[in-house]
N, C-alpha and C. Protein backbone atom coordinates (compact mmCIF):
# COMPACT_ATOMS: atom_id res chain seq x y z
N MET A 1 -35.61 12.14 -38.47
CA MET A 1 -34.46 13.14 -37.81
C MET A 1 -33.12 12.41 -37.60
N LYS A 2 -33.24 11.16 -38.10
CA LYS A 2 -31.99 10.29 -38.95
C LYS A 2 -31.24 10.00 -37.85
N THR A 3 -31.96 9.89 -36.33
CA THR A 3 -31.25 9.45 -34.78
C THR A 3 -31.86 9.29 -34.25
N ASP A 4 -31.71 8.32 -33.36
CA ASP A 4 -32.78 7.93 -32.20
C ASP A 4 -33.03 9.35 -31.05
N LYS A 5 -33.95 10.16 -31.36
CA LYS A 5 -33.99 11.31 -30.70
C LYS A 5 -33.77 11.09 -29.08
N ALA A 6 -34.39 9.86 -28.55
CA ALA A 6 -34.40 9.79 -27.19
C ALA A 6 -32.80 9.15 -26.50
N LEU A 7 -31.94 8.98 -27.21
CA LEU A 7 -30.46 8.78 -27.00
C LEU A 7 -29.74 10.19 -27.21
N LEU A 8 -30.41 11.23 -27.59
CA LEU A 8 -29.63 12.72 -27.59
C LEU A 8 -29.57 13.14 -26.28
N PRO A 9 -28.31 13.92 -25.95
CA PRO A 9 -28.04 14.55 -24.71
C PRO A 9 -28.95 16.04 -24.52
N PHE A 10 -29.17 16.08 -23.48
CA PHE A 10 -30.31 16.97 -23.19
C PHE A 10 -30.33 17.20 -21.47
N GLY A 11 -30.26 19.04 -21.26
CA GLY A 11 -30.67 18.85 -19.73
C GLY A 11 -29.63 18.60 -18.84
N GLY A 12 -28.35 18.67 -19.54
CA GLY A 12 -27.25 17.94 -18.56
C GLY A 12 -27.32 16.50 -18.12
N PHE A 13 -28.30 15.71 -19.10
CA PHE A 13 -28.15 14.44 -18.91
C PHE A 13 -27.69 13.80 -20.38
N ASP A 14 -27.51 12.36 -20.34
CA ASP A 14 -26.66 12.10 -21.24
C ASP A 14 -27.44 11.59 -22.72
N THR A 15 -28.96 11.70 -22.16
CA THR A 15 -30.12 10.91 -23.29
C THR A 15 -30.99 11.76 -22.80
N LEU A 16 -31.99 12.45 -23.76
CA LEU A 16 -33.29 12.51 -23.60
C LEU A 16 -34.15 11.74 -22.56
N ALA A 17 -34.13 10.58 -22.77
CA ALA A 17 -34.70 9.49 -21.90
C ALA A 17 -34.34 9.69 -20.76
N GLU A 18 -33.48 9.51 -20.33
CA GLU A 18 -33.16 10.23 -18.69
C GLU A 18 -33.34 11.69 -18.48
N PHE A 19 -33.44 12.47 -19.06
CA PHE A 19 -33.81 13.77 -18.84
C PHE A 19 -35.44 13.59 -18.07
N GLN A 20 -36.23 13.07 -19.33
CA GLN A 20 -37.41 12.77 -18.81
C GLN A 20 -37.88 11.86 -17.46
N LEU A 21 -37.02 10.80 -17.56
CA LEU A 21 -37.33 10.27 -16.50
C LEU A 21 -36.55 10.67 -15.00
N SER A 22 -35.57 11.23 -14.72
CA SER A 22 -35.33 12.24 -13.84
C SER A 22 -36.42 13.57 -13.02
N LYS A 23 -36.92 13.82 -14.49
CA LYS A 23 -38.06 15.14 -14.13
C LYS A 23 -38.96 14.31 -13.46
N PHE A 24 -39.46 13.10 -13.55
CA PHE A 24 -40.83 12.41 -13.07
C PHE A 24 -40.87 11.53 -12.10
N LYS A 25 -39.45 10.88 -11.83
CA LYS A 25 -39.14 10.07 -10.84
C LYS A 25 -39.31 10.36 -9.44
N PRO A 26 -39.16 11.59 -9.26
CA PRO A 26 -39.52 11.99 -7.58
C PRO A 26 -40.99 12.12 -7.10
N TYR A 27 -41.53 12.28 -8.39
CA TYR A 27 -43.07 12.48 -7.88
C TYR A 27 -43.87 10.95 -8.54
N PHE A 28 -43.65 9.70 -8.86
CA PHE A 28 -43.95 8.47 -8.89
C PHE A 28 -43.90 7.30 -8.37
N GLN A 29 -44.39 6.50 -7.89
CA GLN A 29 -43.65 5.32 -7.02
C GLN A 29 -42.79 4.73 -8.47
N LYS A 30 -43.77 4.67 -9.22
CA LYS A 30 -42.77 3.93 -10.56
C LYS A 30 -42.98 5.22 -11.95
N VAL A 31 -41.73 5.06 -12.50
CA VAL A 31 -41.29 5.56 -14.13
C VAL A 31 -41.35 4.82 -14.59
N TYR A 32 -41.80 4.48 -16.02
CA TYR A 32 -41.15 3.54 -17.14
C TYR A 32 -40.91 4.27 -18.35
N ILE A 33 -40.03 3.34 -18.98
CA ILE A 33 -39.80 3.78 -20.50
C ILE A 33 -40.34 2.97 -21.16
N GLY A 34 -40.99 3.08 -22.36
CA GLY A 34 -41.73 2.52 -23.11
C GLY A 34 -40.86 2.35 -24.44
N CYS A 35 -40.76 0.90 -25.11
CA CYS A 35 -39.41 0.92 -25.94
C CYS A 35 -39.89 -0.12 -27.10
N LYS A 36 -39.29 -0.26 -27.78
CA LYS A 36 -39.16 -1.67 -28.91
C LYS A 36 -38.07 -2.39 -28.06
N ASN A 37 -37.07 -1.75 -27.89
CA ASN A 37 -35.88 -2.54 -27.79
C ASN A 37 -34.84 -1.99 -26.06
N LYS A 38 -34.97 -2.54 -25.09
CA LYS A 38 -34.37 -1.58 -24.15
C LYS A 38 -32.82 -1.28 -24.28
N THR A 39 -32.23 -2.48 -24.76
CA THR A 39 -30.61 -2.79 -25.38
C THR A 39 -29.98 -1.51 -25.62
N LYS A 40 -30.91 -0.50 -26.22
CA LYS A 40 -30.23 0.69 -26.60
C LYS A 40 -29.79 1.74 -25.39
N PHE A 41 -30.46 1.36 -24.55
CA PHE A 41 -30.33 2.48 -23.48
C PHE A 41 -28.93 1.61 -22.45
N ASN A 42 -28.08 2.44 -22.18
CA ASN A 42 -27.55 2.51 -21.34
C ASN A 42 -27.22 2.71 -20.02
N PHE A 43 -28.84 2.68 -19.80
CA PHE A 43 -28.86 3.27 -17.96
C PHE A 43 -30.19 2.59 -17.34
N GLU A 44 -29.71 2.73 -16.07
CA GLU A 44 -30.76 1.85 -15.51
C GLU A 44 -32.07 2.85 -15.12
N ALA A 45 -33.18 1.60 -15.43
CA ALA A 45 -34.28 2.25 -15.59
C ALA A 45 -35.06 0.75 -15.68
N GLU A 46 -36.51 1.65 -15.40
CA GLU A 46 -38.05 0.39 -15.57
C GLU A 46 -38.42 0.35 -17.17
N PHE A 47 -38.31 -0.34 -17.67
CA PHE A 47 -38.50 -0.16 -19.16
C PHE A 47 -39.87 -1.74 -19.32
N ILE A 48 -40.41 -1.30 -20.71
CA ILE A 48 -41.31 -1.80 -20.65
C ILE A 48 -41.37 -2.36 -22.15
N GLU A 49 -40.89 -3.11 -22.92
CA GLU A 49 -40.77 -2.99 -24.36
C GLU A 49 -42.17 -3.43 -24.81
N ASP A 50 -42.01 -3.45 -26.44
CA ASP A 50 -43.38 -3.32 -26.82
C ASP A 50 -43.69 -5.27 -27.20
N LEU A 51 -44.79 -5.33 -26.92
CA LEU A 51 -44.71 -6.92 -27.07
C LEU A 51 -44.53 -7.31 -28.26
N LYS A 52 -43.88 -8.42 -28.12
CA LYS A 52 -43.28 -9.00 -29.49
C LYS A 52 -44.18 -9.56 -30.76
N GLN A 53 -45.33 -9.68 -30.21
CA GLN A 53 -46.75 -9.95 -31.29
C GLN A 53 -46.74 -8.74 -32.17
N TYR A 54 -46.38 -7.51 -32.09
CA TYR A 54 -46.69 -6.31 -32.41
C TYR A 54 -45.31 -5.81 -33.16
N GLU A 55 -45.19 -5.97 -34.47
CA GLU A 55 -44.00 -5.56 -35.21
C GLU A 55 -44.00 -4.08 -35.79
N ASP A 56 -45.19 -3.52 -35.95
CA ASP A 56 -45.02 -1.99 -36.20
C ASP A 56 -44.81 -0.79 -34.77
N TRP A 57 -44.09 0.10 -35.29
CA TRP A 57 -43.94 1.08 -34.35
C TRP A 57 -44.61 2.14 -34.45
N ALA A 58 -45.43 2.03 -33.43
CA ALA A 58 -46.91 3.06 -33.34
C ALA A 58 -46.88 3.01 -31.38
N PRO A 59 -47.55 4.38 -31.69
CA PRO A 59 -47.98 4.47 -29.85
C PRO A 59 -49.04 3.89 -29.46
N HIS A 60 -49.86 3.21 -30.12
CA HIS A 60 -50.81 2.36 -30.03
C HIS A 60 -50.21 1.00 -29.26
N ILE A 61 -49.20 0.42 -29.95
CA ILE A 61 -48.63 -0.80 -29.56
C ILE A 61 -47.88 -0.21 -28.23
N GLY A 62 -47.39 0.69 -28.09
CA GLY A 62 -47.01 0.95 -26.69
C GLY A 62 -47.75 1.08 -25.62
N LEU A 63 -48.98 1.51 -25.73
CA LEU A 63 -49.82 1.46 -24.95
C LEU A 63 -50.43 0.39 -24.35
N ILE A 64 -51.10 -0.73 -25.52
CA ILE A 64 -51.30 -1.87 -25.31
C ILE A 64 -49.97 -2.45 -24.61
N SER A 65 -49.06 -2.87 -25.02
CA SER A 65 -47.76 -3.22 -24.42
C SER A 65 -47.87 -2.84 -22.57
N ALA A 66 -48.06 -1.24 -22.46
CA ALA A 66 -48.01 -1.03 -20.90
C ALA A 66 -49.21 -1.44 -20.39
N PHE A 67 -50.29 -1.48 -20.80
CA PHE A 67 -51.49 -2.36 -20.30
C PHE A 67 -51.50 -3.52 -19.84
N GLU A 68 -51.12 -4.19 -20.82
CA GLU A 68 -51.41 -5.53 -20.45
C GLU A 68 -50.06 -6.00 -19.69
N ILE A 69 -48.95 -5.07 -19.98
CA ILE A 69 -47.58 -5.62 -19.01
C ILE A 69 -47.65 -5.05 -17.58
N LEU A 70 -48.50 -3.79 -17.35
CA LEU A 70 -48.66 -3.32 -15.86
C LEU A 70 -49.53 -3.81 -15.23
N ASN A 71 -50.72 -4.18 -15.90
CA ASN A 71 -51.98 -4.35 -15.21
C ASN A 71 -52.33 -3.49 -14.56
N GLU A 72 -52.33 -2.00 -15.02
CA GLU A 72 -52.86 -0.88 -14.21
C GLU A 72 -53.85 -0.67 -14.43
N ASP A 73 -54.53 0.28 -13.93
CA ASP A 73 -56.23 0.94 -14.40
C ASP A 73 -55.95 2.48 -14.93
N ALA A 74 -55.02 3.03 -15.16
CA ALA A 74 -54.78 4.12 -15.37
C ALA A 74 -53.41 4.33 -15.81
N ILE A 75 -52.63 5.06 -16.88
CA ILE A 75 -51.49 5.47 -16.88
C ILE A 75 -51.26 6.74 -17.51
N PHE A 76 -50.23 7.52 -17.03
CA PHE A 76 -49.97 8.61 -17.56
C PHE A 76 -48.56 8.45 -18.80
N VAL A 77 -49.04 9.23 -20.08
CA VAL A 77 -48.04 8.80 -21.05
C VAL A 77 -47.49 9.84 -21.25
N LEU A 78 -46.27 10.37 -22.00
CA LEU A 78 -45.65 11.73 -22.45
C LEU A 78 -44.67 11.04 -23.20
N SER A 79 -44.52 11.72 -24.56
CA SER A 79 -43.59 11.46 -25.55
C SER A 79 -42.21 11.78 -24.74
N VAL A 80 -41.17 11.26 -25.30
CA VAL A 80 -39.86 11.01 -24.55
C VAL A 80 -39.53 12.75 -25.11
N ASP A 81 -39.75 12.88 -26.77
CA ASP A 81 -39.26 14.37 -27.20
C ASP A 81 -40.44 15.59 -26.59
N ALA A 82 -41.03 15.50 -26.00
CA ALA A 82 -41.54 16.71 -25.28
C ALA A 82 -41.01 16.79 -24.24
N PRO A 83 -40.01 17.67 -23.80
CA PRO A 83 -39.05 17.67 -22.61
C PRO A 83 -39.41 19.09 -21.51
N PHE A 84 -40.53 19.71 -22.40
CA PHE A 84 -41.32 20.69 -21.65
C PHE A 84 -42.19 20.78 -20.52
N PHE A 85 -43.12 19.69 -20.51
CA PHE A 85 -44.48 19.19 -20.35
C PHE A 85 -43.42 19.09 -18.78
N ASN A 86 -43.89 19.30 -17.77
CA ASN A 86 -43.46 18.87 -16.58
C ASN A 86 -44.72 18.72 -15.35
N ILE A 87 -44.23 18.35 -14.04
CA ILE A 87 -45.00 17.80 -13.12
C ILE A 87 -46.71 18.79 -12.62
N GLU A 88 -46.65 19.99 -12.84
CA GLU A 88 -47.41 20.80 -12.82
C GLU A 88 -48.09 20.72 -13.54
N HIS A 89 -47.76 20.39 -14.78
CA HIS A 89 -48.75 20.29 -16.30
C HIS A 89 -49.35 19.25 -15.78
N PHE A 90 -48.88 17.95 -15.65
CA PHE A 90 -49.77 16.40 -15.27
C PHE A 90 -50.30 16.80 -14.10
N GLU A 91 -49.98 17.33 -13.12
CA GLU A 91 -51.06 17.66 -12.02
C GLU A 91 -52.63 18.29 -12.66
N LYS A 92 -52.35 19.47 -13.67
CA LYS A 92 -53.65 19.96 -13.96
C LYS A 92 -54.05 18.95 -15.00
N LEU A 93 -53.64 17.83 -15.58
CA LEU A 93 -54.55 16.82 -16.10
C LEU A 93 -55.39 16.00 -15.16
N TYR A 94 -53.91 15.48 -14.10
CA TYR A 94 -54.73 14.47 -12.76
C TYR A 94 -56.00 15.16 -12.27
N LYS A 95 -56.12 16.48 -11.80
CA LYS A 95 -57.00 17.01 -11.49
C LYS A 95 -58.57 16.68 -12.37
N GLU A 96 -58.42 16.74 -13.30
CA GLU A 96 -59.35 16.66 -14.09
C GLU A 96 -59.95 15.21 -14.53
N LEU A 97 -59.15 14.22 -13.70
CA LEU A 97 -59.48 12.50 -14.35
C LEU A 97 -60.92 12.58 -13.22
N ASN A 98 -61.39 11.62 -14.43
CA ASN A 98 -62.76 11.49 -13.66
C ASN A 98 -63.21 9.93 -14.61
N SER A 99 -64.63 9.77 -14.94
CA SER A 99 -65.04 8.94 -15.45
C SER A 99 -64.51 8.67 -17.03
N LYS A 100 -64.26 9.53 -17.48
CA LYS A 100 -64.27 9.06 -19.20
C LYS A 100 -62.57 8.43 -19.37
N ASP A 101 -62.43 7.91 -20.32
CA ASP A 101 -61.64 6.73 -20.70
C ASP A 101 -60.30 7.43 -20.68
N ALA A 102 -60.20 8.94 -21.27
CA ALA A 102 -58.55 9.61 -21.35
C ALA A 102 -59.19 11.09 -21.30
N ILE A 103 -58.21 11.58 -20.28
CA ILE A 103 -57.80 12.91 -20.56
C ILE A 103 -56.70 13.29 -21.09
N VAL A 104 -56.61 14.20 -21.84
CA VAL A 104 -55.79 14.48 -22.82
C VAL A 104 -55.37 15.84 -22.91
N ALA A 105 -54.36 16.22 -23.14
CA ALA A 105 -53.63 17.70 -23.15
C ALA A 105 -54.13 18.32 -24.50
N LYS A 106 -54.44 19.64 -24.30
CA LYS A 106 -54.92 20.15 -25.75
C LYS A 106 -54.12 21.35 -25.45
N SER A 107 -53.71 21.84 -26.83
CA SER A 107 -53.32 23.34 -26.95
C SER A 107 -53.47 24.12 -27.75
N THR A 108 -53.56 25.73 -27.91
CA THR A 108 -53.85 25.87 -29.21
C THR A 108 -53.49 25.36 -30.66
N ASP A 109 -52.41 24.91 -30.61
CA ASP A 109 -51.97 23.85 -31.89
C ASP A 109 -52.41 22.77 -31.96
N GLY A 110 -53.45 22.18 -30.79
CA GLY A 110 -54.06 20.87 -31.03
C GLY A 110 -53.64 20.43 -30.10
N LYS A 111 -54.52 18.86 -30.53
CA LYS A 111 -54.56 17.78 -29.56
C LYS A 111 -53.39 17.20 -29.18
N GLN A 112 -52.94 16.96 -28.32
CA GLN A 112 -51.53 16.34 -27.55
C GLN A 112 -51.65 14.93 -26.87
N PRO A 113 -52.51 13.81 -27.95
CA PRO A 113 -52.32 12.57 -27.51
C PRO A 113 -51.25 11.94 -26.64
N LEU A 114 -49.94 12.33 -26.47
CA LEU A 114 -48.80 11.71 -25.86
C LEU A 114 -48.66 12.76 -24.93
N CYS A 115 -49.14 13.34 -24.58
CA CYS A 115 -49.60 13.82 -23.00
C CYS A 115 -50.82 14.03 -22.31
N ALA A 116 -51.08 13.05 -21.90
CA ALA A 116 -52.23 12.26 -21.44
C ALA A 116 -52.15 10.86 -20.34
N ILE A 117 -53.44 11.26 -19.74
CA ILE A 117 -53.93 9.96 -18.89
C ILE A 117 -54.89 8.77 -19.48
N TYR A 118 -54.46 7.75 -19.45
CA TYR A 118 -55.51 6.96 -20.48
C TYR A 118 -55.71 5.89 -19.21
N LYS A 119 -56.94 5.01 -19.41
CA LYS A 119 -57.59 4.07 -18.53
C LYS A 119 -57.31 3.14 -19.57
N LYS A 120 -57.59 2.00 -18.83
CA LYS A 120 -57.46 0.95 -19.19
C LYS A 120 -58.53 0.19 -20.19
N SER A 121 -59.54 0.74 -20.34
CA SER A 121 -60.70 0.88 -20.35
C SER A 121 -60.79 0.96 -22.30
N ILE A 122 -59.86 1.86 -22.88
CA ILE A 122 -59.32 1.66 -24.16
C ILE A 122 -58.85 0.73 -24.69
N LEU A 123 -58.26 -0.59 -24.00
CA LEU A 123 -57.43 -1.51 -24.25
C LEU A 123 -58.39 -2.32 -25.55
N PRO A 124 -59.06 -2.39 -25.50
CA PRO A 124 -60.37 -3.32 -26.72
C PRO A 124 -60.07 -2.35 -27.99
N HIS A 125 -60.87 -1.22 -27.86
CA HIS A 125 -60.61 -0.19 -28.97
C HIS A 125 -58.70 0.23 -29.60
N LEU A 126 -58.00 -0.18 -28.67
CA LEU A 126 -56.24 0.16 -29.02
C LEU A 126 -56.17 -1.17 -29.95
N LYS A 127 -56.26 -2.71 -29.32
CA LYS A 127 -56.58 -3.74 -30.13
C LYS A 127 -57.02 -3.63 -31.83
N GLU A 128 -58.22 -3.54 -31.42
CA GLU A 128 -59.11 -3.38 -32.98
C GLU A 128 -58.61 -2.44 -33.72
N LEU A 129 -57.97 -0.96 -33.55
CA LEU A 129 -57.38 -0.30 -33.99
C LEU A 129 -55.92 -0.74 -34.72
N THR A 130 -55.35 -1.41 -33.70
CA THR A 130 -53.99 -1.81 -34.44
C THR A 130 -54.20 -3.10 -35.26
N LYS A 131 -55.37 -4.00 -34.96
CA LYS A 131 -55.26 -5.23 -35.91
C LYS A 131 -55.77 -4.27 -37.58
N GLU A 132 -56.17 -3.31 -37.27
CA GLU A 132 -56.87 -2.44 -38.47
C GLU A 132 -55.73 -1.68 -39.39
N LYS A 133 -54.54 -1.74 -38.58
CA LYS A 133 -53.44 -0.70 -38.67
C LYS A 133 -53.69 0.69 -39.21
N GLN A 134 -54.65 1.06 -37.98
CA GLN A 134 -55.30 2.51 -37.94
C GLN A 134 -54.54 3.04 -36.80
N TYR A 135 -53.80 3.91 -36.80
CA TYR A 135 -52.86 4.20 -35.82
C TYR A 135 -52.86 5.73 -35.37
N ARG A 136 -54.42 6.23 -35.94
CA ARG A 136 -54.11 7.86 -35.70
C ARG A 136 -55.08 7.68 -34.66
N PHE A 137 -54.42 8.70 -33.78
CA PHE A 137 -55.27 8.94 -32.23
C PHE A 137 -57.00 9.52 -32.45
N SER A 138 -57.17 10.05 -33.84
CA SER A 138 -58.43 11.02 -34.14
C SER A 138 -59.20 9.86 -34.27
N ASN A 139 -58.82 8.40 -34.64
CA ASN A 139 -59.54 7.24 -34.67
C ASN A 139 -59.88 6.59 -33.31
N LEU A 140 -59.10 6.60 -32.65
CA LEU A 140 -59.20 6.16 -31.18
C LEU A 140 -60.34 7.34 -30.44
N PHE A 141 -60.22 8.55 -30.11
CA PHE A 141 -60.81 9.13 -30.09
C PHE A 141 -62.28 9.08 -30.21
N GLU A 142 -62.49 8.80 -31.66
CA GLU A 142 -63.68 8.58 -31.77
C GLU A 142 -64.63 7.32 -31.00
N LYS A 143 -63.69 6.62 -30.60
CA LYS A 143 -64.07 5.24 -29.84
C LYS A 143 -64.28 5.32 -28.71
N ILE A 144 -64.08 6.02 -28.05
CA ILE A 144 -63.65 6.17 -26.56
C ILE A 144 -64.32 7.90 -25.44
N SER A 145 -64.73 7.97 -24.58
CA SER A 145 -64.85 8.88 -23.94
C SER A 145 -63.54 9.52 -23.65
N VAL A 146 -63.60 11.19 -24.03
CA VAL A 146 -62.41 11.66 -23.76
C VAL A 146 -62.65 12.97 -23.34
N ASP A 147 -61.72 13.78 -22.35
CA ASP A 147 -61.92 15.01 -22.36
C ASP A 147 -60.47 15.48 -22.89
N PHE A 148 -60.56 16.77 -23.60
CA PHE A 148 -59.30 18.04 -23.62
C PHE A 148 -59.23 18.87 -22.89
N ILE A 149 -58.09 18.61 -21.97
CA ILE A 149 -57.92 19.74 -21.19
C ILE A 149 -56.85 21.15 -21.98
N GLU A 150 -57.49 22.23 -21.92
CA GLU A 150 -56.90 23.18 -22.63
C GLU A 150 -55.62 23.54 -21.42
N PHE A 151 -54.69 24.15 -22.16
CA PHE A 151 -53.18 24.59 -22.09
C PHE A 151 -53.20 25.72 -22.85
N ASP A 152 -52.75 26.68 -22.46
CA ASP A 152 -52.50 28.25 -23.45
C ASP A 152 -51.15 28.24 -23.55
N ASP A 153 -50.22 27.56 -23.14
CA ASP A 153 -48.37 27.78 -23.38
C ASP A 153 -48.73 26.78 -24.54
N ASN A 154 -48.01 26.97 -25.74
CA ASN A 154 -47.73 25.99 -26.86
C ASN A 154 -46.37 25.36 -26.61
N GLU A 155 -45.65 26.43 -25.81
CA GLU A 155 -44.27 25.98 -25.47
C GLU A 155 -43.77 24.53 -24.88
N ILE A 156 -44.63 24.07 -24.10
CA ILE A 156 -44.67 23.28 -22.90
C ILE A 156 -45.03 21.68 -23.81
N PHE A 157 -45.52 21.95 -25.37
CA PHE A 157 -45.40 21.02 -26.13
C PHE A 157 -44.68 21.01 -27.11
N THR A 158 -43.48 21.76 -26.84
CA THR A 158 -42.28 21.73 -28.00
C THR A 158 -42.01 20.07 -27.96
N ASN A 159 -41.75 19.95 -29.62
CA ASN A 159 -41.39 18.68 -29.35
C ASN A 159 -40.25 18.58 -30.78
N LEU A 160 -39.40 17.20 -30.24
CA LEU A 160 -37.91 17.80 -30.96
C LEU A 160 -37.82 16.61 -31.76
N ASN A 161 -38.98 17.13 -33.14
CA ASN A 161 -39.05 16.13 -34.05
C ASN A 161 -37.72 15.78 -35.33
N THR A 162 -37.05 17.35 -35.18
CA THR A 162 -36.35 17.45 -36.42
C THR A 162 -34.87 17.85 -35.71
N LEU A 163 -34.09 17.40 -36.09
CA LEU A 163 -32.51 17.99 -35.74
C LEU A 163 -32.47 19.19 -35.51
N GLU A 164 -33.23 20.25 -36.63
CA GLU A 164 -33.13 21.65 -36.27
C GLU A 164 -34.32 21.72 -35.17
N ASP A 165 -34.86 21.16 -34.67
CA ASP A 165 -35.81 21.37 -33.41
C ASP A 165 -34.84 21.49 -32.53
N TYR A 166 -34.19 20.35 -32.43
CA TYR A 166 -33.17 20.04 -31.41
C TYR A 166 -31.98 20.70 -30.90
N LYS A 167 -31.33 21.27 -32.02
CA LYS A 167 -30.33 22.03 -31.99
C LYS A 167 -30.87 23.50 -31.95
N ARG A 168 -32.32 24.11 -32.24
CA ARG A 168 -32.38 25.30 -32.05
C ARG A 168 -32.67 25.44 -29.90
N VAL A 169 -33.29 24.01 -29.56
CA VAL A 169 -33.96 24.16 -28.25
C VAL A 169 -32.60 23.86 -27.33
N THR A 170 -31.33 23.06 -27.84
CA THR A 170 -30.53 22.81 -26.94
C THR A 170 -29.14 23.73 -27.05
N GLY A 171 -28.93 24.38 -28.41
CA GLY A 171 -28.22 25.12 -28.96
C GLY A 171 -26.52 24.10 -29.36
N ILE A 172 -27.04 22.93 -28.83
CA ILE A 172 -25.97 21.91 -29.81
C ILE A 172 -26.00 21.76 -31.04
N SER A 173 -24.95 22.11 -31.68
CA SER A 173 -25.22 21.85 -33.14
C SER A 173 -24.12 20.84 -33.90
N ASN A 174 -23.32 20.03 -32.75
CA ASN A 174 -22.56 18.79 -33.43
C ASN A 174 -23.17 17.80 -33.43
N VAL A 175 -24.29 17.63 -33.46
CA VAL A 175 -25.28 16.09 -33.36
C VAL A 175 -25.07 15.29 -35.08
C-alpha cells in the first residue's frame, strides 16, 4: 500500500486503528492494539508491542507477544484492515468456542485467520513455526485443533490491502 494502513483516516476517525478500537471497546473489558512500535500512534490506547527478540513482521509474532504479555487463556484477533467485521460477527465465533485450540472465521473466499479466537495452547506451535520462519497460518492449522466457522457474507472480510481498496471503500482519493 506504500503507507501504514492503520494510520489512514476511516469512518469519521483519524485512523483505521482508532475506528477498530472504538468499535469493540464498548463490548470488552480491554481492547489492545498489537504493533511493532506504539510511537506511531497519536491516540491513547492499550498497546502490545511485539517482543523485541523477534525482528520479522508477522502475525505469528503478534500472537506470541499477546499471549506472553497478557497471560490470557484465549484472545480474539482482528486485523486492522478488516473494518466491516463487527461485534455480531464476533459473537458468532464466540458461541462456537469449545475445547479446540482455535475458532477461525471462514468465508466463501477462504479462511480468515486474522478474524479468530485463539487459545494459549497454540503458543508452543507458534514459537516453533516462528523459529523456522514458517509464517503461513496453514502450517499452524496443521498442528492444532481448529474449527472453521462459516460466514456467508464475504463483504465483512473486505481487507484494505491496497490503496485502490481503500479508495473504493472510503471514497477518499487524496491519500
